[in-house]
Amino acid sequence: MRTYSIVLDPDPEESGYTVTVPALPGCTAEGDSVEDCIVNAREAIEEHIEALVKQGREVPEELEAPRILQVTVDA
């Protein structure tokens, strides 16, 4: 079992979210709700890991959860 953090970014053009997995570059998913995002992210992560294994590549593990911060700038 492995645990990965996912990031949900609201998609302003659609009524849902784009999901990324910081520890697995290139692993993305989408969903209309948070629940959909979790289900779709789990599938995307499993498929991404399977592809890495088939290619003989190392499967990255998340050693530390990413931190999301906000920065205010004058624009």
C-alpha atoms as a PDB file:
ATOM      1  CA  MET A   1       0.000   0.000   0.000  1.00  0.00           C
ATOM      2  CA  ARG A   2       1.192   3.490  -0.841  1.00  0.00           C
ATOM      3  CA  THR A   3      -0.301   6.855   0.004  1.00  0.00           C
ATOM      4  CA  TYR A   4      -0.090   9.887  -2.277  1.00  0.00           C
ATOM      5  CA  SER A   5      -1.364  13.424  -1.853  1.00  0.00           C
ATOM      6  CA  ILE A   6      -3.569  14.816  -4.591  1.00  0.00           C
ATOM      7  CA  VAL A   7      -4.177  18.472  -5.447  1.00  0.00           C
ATOM      8  CA  LEU A   8      -7.586  19.587  -6.720  1.00  0.00           C
ATOM      9  CA  ASP A   9      -7.563  22.757  -8.813  1.00  0.00           C
ATOM     10  CA  PRO A  10     -10.934  24.239  -9.725  1.00  0.00           C
ATOM     11  CA  ASP A  11     -11.352  24.353 -13.487  1.00  0.00           C
ATOM     12  CA  PRO A  12     -12.899  27.747 -14.316  1.00  0.00           C
ATOM     13  CA  GLU A  13     -13.944  26.601 -17.799  1.00  0.00           C
ATOM     14  CA  GLU A  14     -15.657  23.458 -16.560  1.00  0.00           C
ATOM     15  CA  SER A  15     -17.725  22.735 -13.471  1.00  0.00           C
ATOM     16  CA  GLY A  16     -15.175  20.476 -11.861  1.00  0.00           C
ATOM     17  CA  TYR A  17     -11.562  20.003 -10.892  1.00  0.00           C
ATOM     18  CA  THR A  18      -8.240  19.024 -12.392  1.00  0.00           C
ATOM     19  CA  VAL A  19      -6.315  16.664 -10.142  1.00  0.00           C
ATOM     20  CA  THR A  20      -2.535  16.354  -9.981  1.00  0.00           C
ATOM     21  CA  VAL A  21      -0.309  14.050  -7.961  1.00  0.00           C
ATOM     22  CA  PRO A  22       2.839  15.989  -6.997  1.00  0.00           C
ATOM     23  CA  ALA A  23       4.887  12.861  -6.240  1.00  0.00           C
ATOM     24  CA  LEU A  24       4.015  11.349  -9.641  1.00  0.00           C
ATOM     25  CA  PRO A  25       4.750  13.910 -12.361  1.00  0.00           C
ATOM     26  CA  GLY A  26       2.405  13.469 -15.306  1.00  0.00           C
ATOM     27  CA  CYS A  27      -0.248  11.672 -13.286  1.00  0.00           C
ATOM     28  CA  THR A  28      -3.498  13.624 -13.627  1.00  0.00           C
ATOM     29  CA  ALA A  29      -7.228  13.106 -13.390  1.00  0.00           C
ATOM     30  CA  GLU A  30     -10.436  15.115 -13.459  1.00  0.00           C
ATOM     31  CA  GLY A  31     -13.700  15.067 -11.587  1.00  0.00           C
ATOM     32  CA  ASP A  32     -16.956  16.960 -11.206  1.00  0.00           C
ATOM     33  CA  SER A  33     -16.956  16.619  -7.415  1.00  0.00           C
ATOM     34  CA  VAL A  34     -14.408  15.964  -4.695  1.00  0.00           C
ATOM     35  CA  GLU A  35     -15.664  12.393  -4.433  1.00  0.00           C
ATOM     36  CA  ASP A  36     -15.246  11.883  -8.205  1.00  0.00           C
ATOM     37  CA  CYS A  37     -11.735  13.309  -7.974  1.00  0.00           C
ATOM     38  CA  ILE A  38     -10.742  10.835  -5.285  1.00  0.00           C
ATOM     39  CA  VAL A  39     -12.063   7.855  -7.261  1.00  0.00           C
ATOM     40  CA  ASN A  40     -10.523   9.053 -10.528  1.00  0.00           C
ATOM     41  CA  ALA A  41      -7.207   9.936  -8.870  1.00  0.00           C
ATOM     42  CA  ARG A  42      -6.965   6.469  -7.335  1.00  0.00           C
ATOM     43  CA  GLU A  43      -7.468   4.895 -10.776  1.00  0.00           C
ATOM     44  CA  ALA A  44      -4.961   7.270 -12.408  1.00  0.00           C
ATOM     45  CA  ILE A  45      -2.346   6.553  -9.720  1.00  0.00           C
ATOM     46  CA  GLU A  46      -2.772   2.791 -10.071  1.00  0.00           C
ATOM     47  CA  GLU A  47      -2.462   3.010 -13.875  1.00  0.00           C
ATOM     48  CA  HIS A  48       0.539   5.338 -13.614  1.00  0.00           C
ATOM     49  CA  ILE A  49       2.332   2.961 -11.243  1.00  0.00           C
ATOM     50  CA  GLU A  50       1.543  -0.034 -13.489  1.00  0.00           C
ATOM     51  CA  ALA A  51       3.054   1.818 -16.459  1.00  0.00           C
ATOM     52  CA  LEU A  52       6.195   2.693 -14.504  1.00  0.00           C
ATOM     53  CA  VAL A  53       6.631  -0.938 -13.417  1.00  0.00           C
ATOM     54  CA  LYS A  54       6.138  -2.214 -16.995  1.00  0.00           C
ATOM     55  CA  GLN A  55       8.792   0.249 -18.172  1.00  0.00           C
ATOM     56  CA  GLY A  56      11.159  -0.970 -15.473  1.00  0.00           C
ATOM     57  CA  ARG A  57      11.244   2.460 -13.876  1.00  0.00           C
ATOM     58  CA  GLU A  58      11.323   3.232 -10.178  1.00  0.00           C
ATOM     59  CA  VAL A  59       7.999   4.099  -8.557  1.00  0.00           C
ATOM     60  CA  PRO A  60       8.396   7.319  -6.559  1.00  0.00           C
ATOM     61  CA  GLU A  61       7.125   7.332  -3.013  1.00  0.00           C
ATOM     62  CA  GLU A  62       5.820  10.416  -1.284  1.00  0.00           C
ATOM     63  CA  LEU A  63       8.214  11.027   1.588  1.00  0.00           C
ATOM     64  CA  GLU A  64       6.584  14.225   2.776  1.00  0.00           C
ATOM     65  CA  ALA A  65       3.161  15.661   1.981  1.00  0.00           C
ATOM     66  CA  PRO A  66       3.287  18.780  -0.199  1.00  0.00           C
ATOM     67  CA  ARG A  67       2.470  22.113   1.381  1.00  0.00           C
ATOM     68  CA  ILE A  68       0.164  24.547  -0.347  1.00  0.00           C
ATOM     69  CA  LEU A  69       0.670  28.159   0.594  1.00  0.00           C
ATOM     70  CA  GLN A  70      -0.740  31.425  -0.674  1.00  0.00           C
ATOM     71  CA  VAL A  71       1.362  34.433  -1.564  1.00  0.00           C
ATOM     72  CA  THR A  72      -0.096  37.895  -2.155  1.00  0.00           C
ATOM     73  CA  VAL A  73       1.599  40.143  -4.721  1.00  0.00           C
ATOM     74  CA  ASP A  74       1.000  43.608  -6.090  1.00  0.00           C
ATOM     75  CA  ALA A  75      -0.153  43.224  -9.661  1.00  0.00           C
END
